[in-house]
N, C-alpha and C. Protein backbone atom coordinates (compact mmCIF):
# COMPACT_ATOMS: atom_id res chain seq x y z
N MET A 1 0.84 -1.16 -0.01
CA MET A 1 0.08 -0.04 0.04
C MET A 1 0.99 1.16 0.01
N PRO A 2 0.72 2.21 -0.96
CA PRO A 2 1.61 3.40 -0.95
C PRO A 2 1.24 4.19 0.07
N ASP A 3 2.32 5.02 0.43
CA ASP A 3 2.18 6.01 1.48
C ASP A 3 1.56 7.31 1.11
N LEU A 4 1.25 8.07 2.07
CA LEU A 4 0.47 9.41 1.95
C LEU A 4 1.34 10.37 0.90
N ASP A 5 2.64 10.54 1.20
CA ASP A 5 3.57 11.33 0.48
C ASP A 5 3.62 10.89 -0.92
N TYR A 6 3.72 9.59 -1.14
CA TYR A 6 3.87 9.08 -2.56
C TYR A 6 2.50 9.44 -3.39
N LEU A 7 1.32 9.31 -2.66
CA LEU A 7 0.14 9.63 -3.36
C LEU A 7 0.02 11.11 -3.70
N ARG A 8 0.43 11.85 -2.84
CA ARG A 8 0.28 13.32 -3.09
C ARG A 8 1.26 13.73 -4.27
N ARG A 9 2.41 13.19 -4.37
CA ARG A 9 3.39 13.40 -5.46
C ARG A 9 2.81 12.81 -6.70
N GLU A 10 2.30 11.69 -6.74
CA GLU A 10 1.61 10.99 -7.84
C GLU A 10 0.58 11.87 -8.38
N ILE A 11 -0.38 12.28 -7.52
CA ILE A 11 -1.47 13.18 -7.80
C ILE A 11 -1.01 14.36 -8.57
N GLU A 12 -0.02 15.00 -7.93
CA GLU A 12 0.43 16.26 -8.58
C GLU A 12 1.01 16.07 -9.98
N ARG A 13 1.80 15.03 -10.12
CA ARG A 13 2.41 14.61 -11.44
C ARG A 13 1.37 14.37 -12.40
N MET A 14 0.32 13.70 -11.94
CA MET A 14 -0.74 13.41 -13.00
C MET A 14 -1.51 14.65 -13.40
N ARG A 15 -1.71 15.54 -12.45
CA ARG A 15 -2.38 16.84 -12.79
C ARG A 15 -1.62 17.61 -13.83
N ILE A 16 -0.33 17.60 -13.56
CA ILE A 16 0.65 18.38 -14.57
C ILE A 16 0.43 17.68 -15.94
N GLN A 17 0.50 16.38 -16.00
CA GLN A 17 0.43 15.64 -17.27
C GLN A 17 -1.01 16.13 -17.88
N MET A 18 -2.07 16.12 -17.00
CA MET A 18 -3.38 16.38 -17.74
C MET A 18 -3.50 17.70 -18.28
N GLY A 19 -2.83 18.64 -17.57
CA GLY A 19 -2.87 20.08 -18.14
C GLY A 19 -2.02 20.13 -19.39
N ARG A 20 -0.86 19.39 -19.58
CA ARG A 20 -0.22 19.18 -20.81
C ARG A 20 -1.17 18.54 -21.97
N GLN A 21 -1.87 17.57 -21.49
CA GLN A 21 -2.85 16.76 -22.40
C GLN A 21 -3.86 17.75 -22.94
N ARG A 22 -4.43 18.58 -22.11
CA ARG A 22 -5.38 19.42 -22.49
C ARG A 22 -4.91 20.65 -23.46
N LYS A 23 -3.61 21.07 -23.35
CA LYS A 23 -2.99 21.95 -24.25
C LYS A 23 -2.81 21.32 -25.52
N GLU A 24 -2.52 20.07 -25.39
CA GLU A 24 -2.23 19.28 -26.81
C GLU A 24 -3.42 19.21 -27.63
N ILE A 25 -4.62 18.81 -26.77
CA ILE A 25 -5.88 18.74 -27.44
C ILE A 25 -6.35 19.92 -28.11
N LEU A 26 -6.12 21.01 -27.42
CA LEU A 26 -6.47 22.32 -28.03
C LEU A 26 -5.67 22.62 -29.37
N GLN A 27 -4.40 22.26 -29.25
CA GLN A 27 -3.52 22.38 -30.45
C GLN A 27 -4.05 21.49 -31.62
N LEU A 28 -4.36 20.36 -31.23
CA LEU A 28 -4.91 19.50 -32.20
C LEU A 28 -6.28 20.02 -32.84
N GLN A 29 -7.06 20.53 -32.04
CA GLN A 29 -8.38 21.09 -32.57
C GLN A 29 -8.20 22.27 -33.43
N ARG A 30 -7.20 23.12 -33.10
CA ARG A 30 -6.83 24.29 -33.92
C ARG A 30 -6.32 23.82 -35.29
N ALA A 31 -5.75 22.61 -35.30
CA ALA A 31 -5.00 22.24 -36.49
C ALA A 31 -6.11 21.49 -37.27
N GLY A 32 -7.26 21.15 -36.71
CA GLY A 32 -8.29 20.42 -37.44
C GLY A 32 -8.07 18.92 -37.40
N ILE A 33 -7.33 18.32 -36.49
CA ILE A 33 -7.06 17.03 -36.38
C ILE A 33 -7.99 16.41 -35.28
N GLY A 34 -8.49 15.30 -35.54
CA GLY A 34 -9.36 14.53 -34.45
C GLY A 34 -8.80 14.35 -33.20
N THR A 35 -9.56 14.53 -32.15
CA THR A 35 -9.13 14.47 -30.79
C THR A 35 -9.73 13.28 -29.93
N ALA A 36 -10.37 12.49 -30.60
CA ALA A 36 -11.17 11.37 -29.79
C ALA A 36 -10.17 10.60 -28.95
N SER A 37 -9.11 10.13 -29.48
CA SER A 37 -8.27 9.37 -28.62
C SER A 37 -7.61 10.08 -27.65
N ALA A 38 -7.19 11.30 -27.91
CA ALA A 38 -6.66 12.13 -26.95
C ALA A 38 -7.51 12.55 -25.81
N GLN A 39 -8.89 12.68 -26.08
CA GLN A 39 -9.84 12.97 -25.06
C GLN A 39 -10.11 11.74 -24.19
N ALA A 40 -10.10 10.64 -24.93
CA ALA A 40 -10.25 9.34 -24.14
C ALA A 40 -9.20 9.12 -23.16
N LEU A 41 -7.87 9.38 -23.68
CA LEU A 41 -6.79 9.21 -22.64
C LEU A 41 -6.87 10.21 -21.50
N LEU A 42 -7.37 11.54 -21.76
CA LEU A 42 -7.57 12.53 -20.61
C LEU A 42 -8.66 11.98 -19.69
N SER A 43 -9.62 11.42 -20.16
CA SER A 43 -10.78 10.90 -19.33
C SER A 43 -10.24 9.88 -18.45
N ARG A 44 -9.43 8.82 -19.05
CA ARG A 44 -8.90 7.86 -18.17
C ARG A 44 -7.79 8.51 -17.09
N MET A 45 -7.09 9.44 -17.45
CA MET A 45 -6.14 10.22 -16.45
C MET A 45 -7.01 10.76 -15.45
N GLU A 46 -8.11 11.37 -15.66
CA GLU A 46 -8.90 11.99 -14.72
C GLU A 46 -9.41 10.93 -13.74
N ALA A 47 -9.92 9.79 -14.24
CA ALA A 47 -10.36 8.74 -13.46
C ALA A 47 -9.39 8.24 -12.52
N LYS A 48 -8.19 8.14 -12.99
CA LYS A 48 -6.99 7.61 -12.20
C LYS A 48 -6.66 8.67 -11.12
N VAL A 49 -6.67 9.85 -11.30
CA VAL A 49 -6.60 10.91 -10.34
C VAL A 49 -7.53 10.92 -9.34
N GLU A 50 -8.67 10.64 -9.73
CA GLU A 50 -9.94 10.61 -8.73
C GLU A 50 -9.68 9.35 -7.76
N SER A 51 -9.33 8.24 -8.34
CA SER A 51 -9.08 7.07 -7.50
C SER A 51 -7.94 7.22 -6.55
N LEU A 52 -6.88 8.08 -7.13
CA LEU A 52 -5.79 8.42 -6.16
C LEU A 52 -6.08 9.32 -5.14
N CYS A 53 -7.01 10.31 -5.46
CA CYS A 53 -7.45 11.20 -4.45
C CYS A 53 -8.19 10.55 -3.27
N ALA A 54 -9.16 9.45 -3.89
CA ALA A 54 -9.95 8.81 -2.81
C ALA A 54 -9.09 7.91 -1.97
N GLU A 55 -8.03 7.24 -2.50
CA GLU A 55 -7.09 6.52 -1.67
C GLU A 55 -6.36 7.50 -0.75
N ARG A 56 -5.93 8.70 -1.24
CA ARG A 56 -5.20 9.58 -0.29
C ARG A 56 -6.09 10.05 0.75
N ASP A 57 -7.35 10.34 0.62
CA ASP A 57 -8.24 10.78 1.65
C ASP A 57 -8.45 9.62 2.50
N LYS A 58 -8.60 8.43 2.06
CA LYS A 58 -8.77 7.12 3.02
C LYS A 58 -7.49 7.04 4.08
N LEU A 59 -6.21 7.32 3.34
CA LEU A 59 -5.20 7.12 4.17
C LEU A 59 -4.96 8.32 5.15
N LYS A 60 -5.45 9.44 4.76
CA LYS A 60 -5.34 10.59 5.62
C LYS A 60 -6.44 10.49 6.81
N ALA A 61 -7.62 9.92 6.63
CA ALA A 61 -8.51 9.86 7.59
C ALA A 61 -8.02 8.70 8.60
N ALA A 62 -7.16 7.79 8.21
CA ALA A 62 -6.76 6.67 9.04
C ALA A 62 -5.57 7.01 9.93
N GLU A 63 -4.98 8.24 9.49
CA GLU A 63 -3.87 8.65 10.18
C GLU A 63 -4.10 9.33 11.44
N PRO A 64 -3.29 9.09 12.38
CA PRO A 64 -3.62 9.61 13.90
C PRO A 64 -3.59 11.12 13.82
N ARG A 65 -4.58 11.82 14.47
CA ARG A 65 -4.42 13.38 14.43
C ARG A 65 -3.71 13.75 15.54
N GLN A 66 -2.90 14.86 15.21
CA GLN A 66 -2.06 15.52 16.28
C GLN A 66 -2.97 16.44 17.07
N THR A 67 -2.74 16.48 18.43
CA THR A 67 -3.59 17.37 19.16
C THR A 67 -3.06 18.77 19.15
N LYS A 68 -4.00 19.69 19.07
CA LYS A 68 -3.58 21.10 19.04
C LYS A 68 -3.07 21.58 20.41
N GLY A 69 -2.00 22.25 20.38
CA GLY A 69 -1.54 22.90 21.74
C GLY A 69 -2.09 24.29 21.93
N ARG A 70 -1.66 24.84 22.92
CA ARG A 70 -1.95 26.27 23.09
C ARG A 70 -1.26 27.16 22.17
N VAL A 71 -1.96 28.15 21.77
CA VAL A 71 -1.37 29.15 20.89
C VAL A 71 -0.75 30.32 21.85
N LEU A 72 0.65 30.36 21.63
CA LEU A 72 1.35 31.38 22.37
C LEU A 72 0.84 31.43 23.92
N GLY A 73 0.73 30.29 24.43
CA GLY A 73 0.50 30.29 25.82
C GLY A 73 -1.03 30.70 26.27
N GLY A 74 -1.94 30.82 25.23
CA GLY A 74 -3.30 31.46 25.33
C GLY A 74 -4.21 30.23 25.65
N ARG A 75 -5.48 30.55 25.33
CA ARG A 75 -6.61 29.56 25.61
C ARG A 75 -6.52 28.40 24.78
N THR A 76 -7.07 27.27 25.42
CA THR A 76 -7.31 26.14 24.60
C THR A 76 -8.65 25.95 24.16
N TRP A 77 -8.96 25.90 22.98
CA TRP A 77 -10.50 25.89 22.47
C TRP A 77 -10.98 24.61 22.43
């Protein structure tokens, strides 16, 4: 099972790739070239990122929470 930091890095990397893919699709559309396969790839990438985000959220929820201390010796809320 991947750790939280790995998932965060992978999500960020995939989002960067998706941005590049969107730019490429726009370039293809401007050139009048079909973009069906590129759009299918983009939708698969989006689905992968969504599953990674769900896994990240699951790991984050399972992680023990740190207790908040006093702020500058002030009140505890």
